[in-house]
Amino acid sequence: MSEIPANVKYIETHQWVRLEGDGTATVGITDFAQEQLGDVVYIGLPEVGATVNGGEEAGVAESVKSASDVFSPVTGEVLAINESLEDEPEMVNEDPYGEGWLFKVKLADEGELDSLMDADTYAELVAEQE
């Protein structure tokens, strides 16, 4: 069973977003997504300063068996990327909700989070796909 933390929001393409105390949001791929990918060997991330749009492609995750687009759950300006993934992309497999985060954004509209799935709804989606 995939880990599905309650303190984050989810989108159907298996990315998560967590609102931080400073008003920024951290984005990553879910435990289910990393399990489906297998051993991640490369993560392509947006550039700092770029604008990402909710529901649109923001990067790529490549594994030994496939490549998958990474979508941003929210719209905003990219404030930081997880540069450690350049040398250690496997962090996405080992700690998808912690050290394996992908990028941080300054939200254009915090209300956008209200339209995303909570943990229970996401768990139902994962159960259908497992």
Protein backbone atom coordinates (compact mmCIF):
# COMPACT_ATOMS: atom_id res chain seq x y z
CA MET A 1 0.00 0.00 0.00
CA SER A 2 1.32 3.44 -0.96
CA GLU A 3 2.02 6.07 1.64
CA ILE A 4 -0.56 8.89 1.39
CA PRO A 5 0.10 11.70 3.89
CA ALA A 6 -2.91 13.75 5.00
CA ASN A 7 -1.02 17.08 5.08
CA VAL A 8 -0.71 17.40 1.29
CA LYS A 9 -3.07 17.77 -1.68
CA TYR A 10 -2.98 15.59 -4.79
CA ILE A 11 -3.75 15.62 -8.50
CA GLU A 12 -4.82 12.73 -10.74
CA THR A 13 -1.39 12.51 -12.41
CA HIS A 14 0.14 11.55 -9.03
CA GLN A 15 1.85 14.75 -7.98
CA TRP A 16 1.43 16.33 -4.56
CA VAL A 17 1.62 19.85 -3.18
CA ARG A 18 2.13 20.95 0.43
CA LEU A 19 1.47 24.49 1.64
CA GLU A 20 4.36 25.66 3.80
CA GLY A 21 4.18 28.08 6.71
CA ASP A 22 5.77 30.90 4.69
CA GLY A 23 3.05 30.87 2.02
CA THR A 24 5.09 28.90 -0.49
CA ALA A 25 4.17 25.44 -1.74
CA THR A 26 6.38 22.38 -2.21
CA VAL A 27 5.69 19.97 -5.09
CA GLY A 28 6.71 16.34 -5.60
CA ILE A 29 5.59 13.02 -7.01
CA THR A 30 3.63 10.61 -4.86
CA ASP A 31 4.77 7.35 -3.35
CA PHE A 32 2.44 5.54 -5.76
CA ALA A 33 4.03 7.34 -8.74
CA GLN A 34 7.58 6.47 -7.71
CA GLU A 35 6.53 2.83 -7.19
CA GLN A 36 5.07 2.74 -10.70
CA LEU A 37 8.17 4.34 -12.22
CA GLY A 38 10.69 2.06 -10.54
CA ASP A 39 14.27 3.21 -9.99
CA VAL A 40 14.39 6.91 -10.92
CA VAL A 41 17.57 7.80 -12.82
CA TYR A 42 16.84 11.39 -13.94
CA ILE A 43 14.56 14.26 -12.92
CA GLY A 44 14.05 17.24 -15.23
CA LEU A 45 12.82 20.30 -13.34
CA PRO A 46 11.55 23.76 -14.32
CA GLU A 47 13.92 26.72 -14.08
CA VAL A 48 13.91 28.99 -11.04
CA GLY A 49 11.91 32.10 -11.96
CA ALA A 50 9.75 30.24 -14.47
CA THR A 51 5.97 30.18 -14.10
CA VAL A 52 4.31 26.78 -13.83
CA ASN A 53 0.59 26.32 -14.42
CA GLY A 54 -1.68 24.03 -12.46
CA GLY A 55 -2.36 20.83 -14.36
CA GLU A 56 0.34 21.49 -16.94
CA GLU A 57 3.69 19.79 -17.56
CA ALA A 58 6.51 21.17 -15.43
CA GLY A 59 9.21 18.51 -15.80
CA VAL A 60 9.99 14.86 -16.40
CA ALA A 61 10.89 11.82 -14.32
CA GLU A 62 12.85 9.07 -16.01
CA SER A 63 13.40 5.61 -14.62
CA VAL A 64 15.11 2.46 -15.81
CA LYS A 65 11.80 1.33 -17.33
CA SER A 66 9.97 4.50 -18.47
CA ALA A 67 9.73 8.27 -18.63
CA SER A 68 6.80 10.23 -17.26
CA ASP A 69 5.81 13.88 -17.44
CA VAL A 70 5.65 15.70 -14.12
CA PHE A 71 2.70 18.08 -13.81
CA SER A 72 2.43 21.02 -11.45
CA PRO A 73 -0.61 20.82 -9.17
CA VAL A 74 -0.65 24.61 -8.79
CA THR A 75 0.11 27.83 -10.65
CA GLY A 76 2.95 30.03 -9.49
CA GLU A 77 6.54 31.18 -9.82
CA VAL A 78 9.25 28.58 -9.23
CA LEU A 79 11.28 29.79 -6.24
CA ALA A 80 13.61 26.79 -5.84
CA ILE A 81 14.36 23.40 -7.30
CA ASN A 82 15.75 20.40 -5.47
CA GLU A 83 19.27 20.55 -6.90
CA SER A 84 20.34 17.46 -4.96
CA LEU A 85 18.19 15.38 -7.34
CA GLU A 86 20.72 16.11 -10.09
CA ASP A 87 23.23 13.82 -8.36
CA GLU A 88 20.76 11.72 -6.37
CA PRO A 89 17.53 11.23 -8.37
CA GLU A 90 16.89 8.10 -6.31
CA MET A 91 15.82 10.37 -3.43
CA VAL A 92 12.45 10.49 -5.20
CA ASN A 93 12.16 6.73 -4.60
CA GLU A 94 13.54 6.78 -1.06
CA ASP A 95 11.67 9.78 0.38
CA PRO A 96 9.05 11.15 -2.06
CA TYR A 97 7.38 13.44 0.52
CA GLY A 98 10.61 14.61 2.18
CA GLU A 99 14.10 14.85 0.69
CA GLY A 100 12.73 13.81 -2.71
CA TRP A 101 10.65 16.97 -3.23
CA LEU A 102 10.94 18.50 -6.72
CA PHE A 103 10.36 22.26 -6.62
CA LYS A 104 8.90 25.09 -4.56
CA VAL A 105 6.53 27.75 -5.87
CA LYS A 106 5.09 31.07 -4.81
CA LEU A 107 1.38 30.44 -5.30
CA ALA A 108 -0.50 32.70 -7.67
CA ASP A 109 -3.76 31.82 -5.89
CA GLU A 110 -3.84 29.87 -2.63
CA GLY A 111 -7.51 29.10 -3.30
CA GLU A 112 -6.37 26.80 -6.11
CA LEU A 113 -5.52 24.24 -3.40
CA ASP A 114 -9.23 23.88 -2.57
CA SER A 115 -9.90 22.17 -5.91
CA LEU A 116 -7.26 19.46 -5.38
CA MET A 117 -7.80 15.99 -3.93
CA ASP A 118 -7.39 15.33 -0.23
CA ALA A 119 -5.70 12.16 1.04
CA ASP A 120 -8.93 10.13 1.23
CA THR A 121 -9.97 10.98 -2.32
CA TYR A 122 -6.47 10.30 -3.62
CA ALA A 123 -6.41 6.95 -1.76
CA GLU A 124 -9.57 5.94 -3.65
CA LEU A 125 -7.90 6.83 -6.96
CA VAL A 126 -4.80 4.79 -6.08
CA ALA A 127 -6.93 1.82 -4.99
CA GLU A 128 -8.61 1.83 -8.41
CA GLN A 129 -5.24 1.84 -10.17
CA GLU A 130 -3.37 -0.71 -8.05
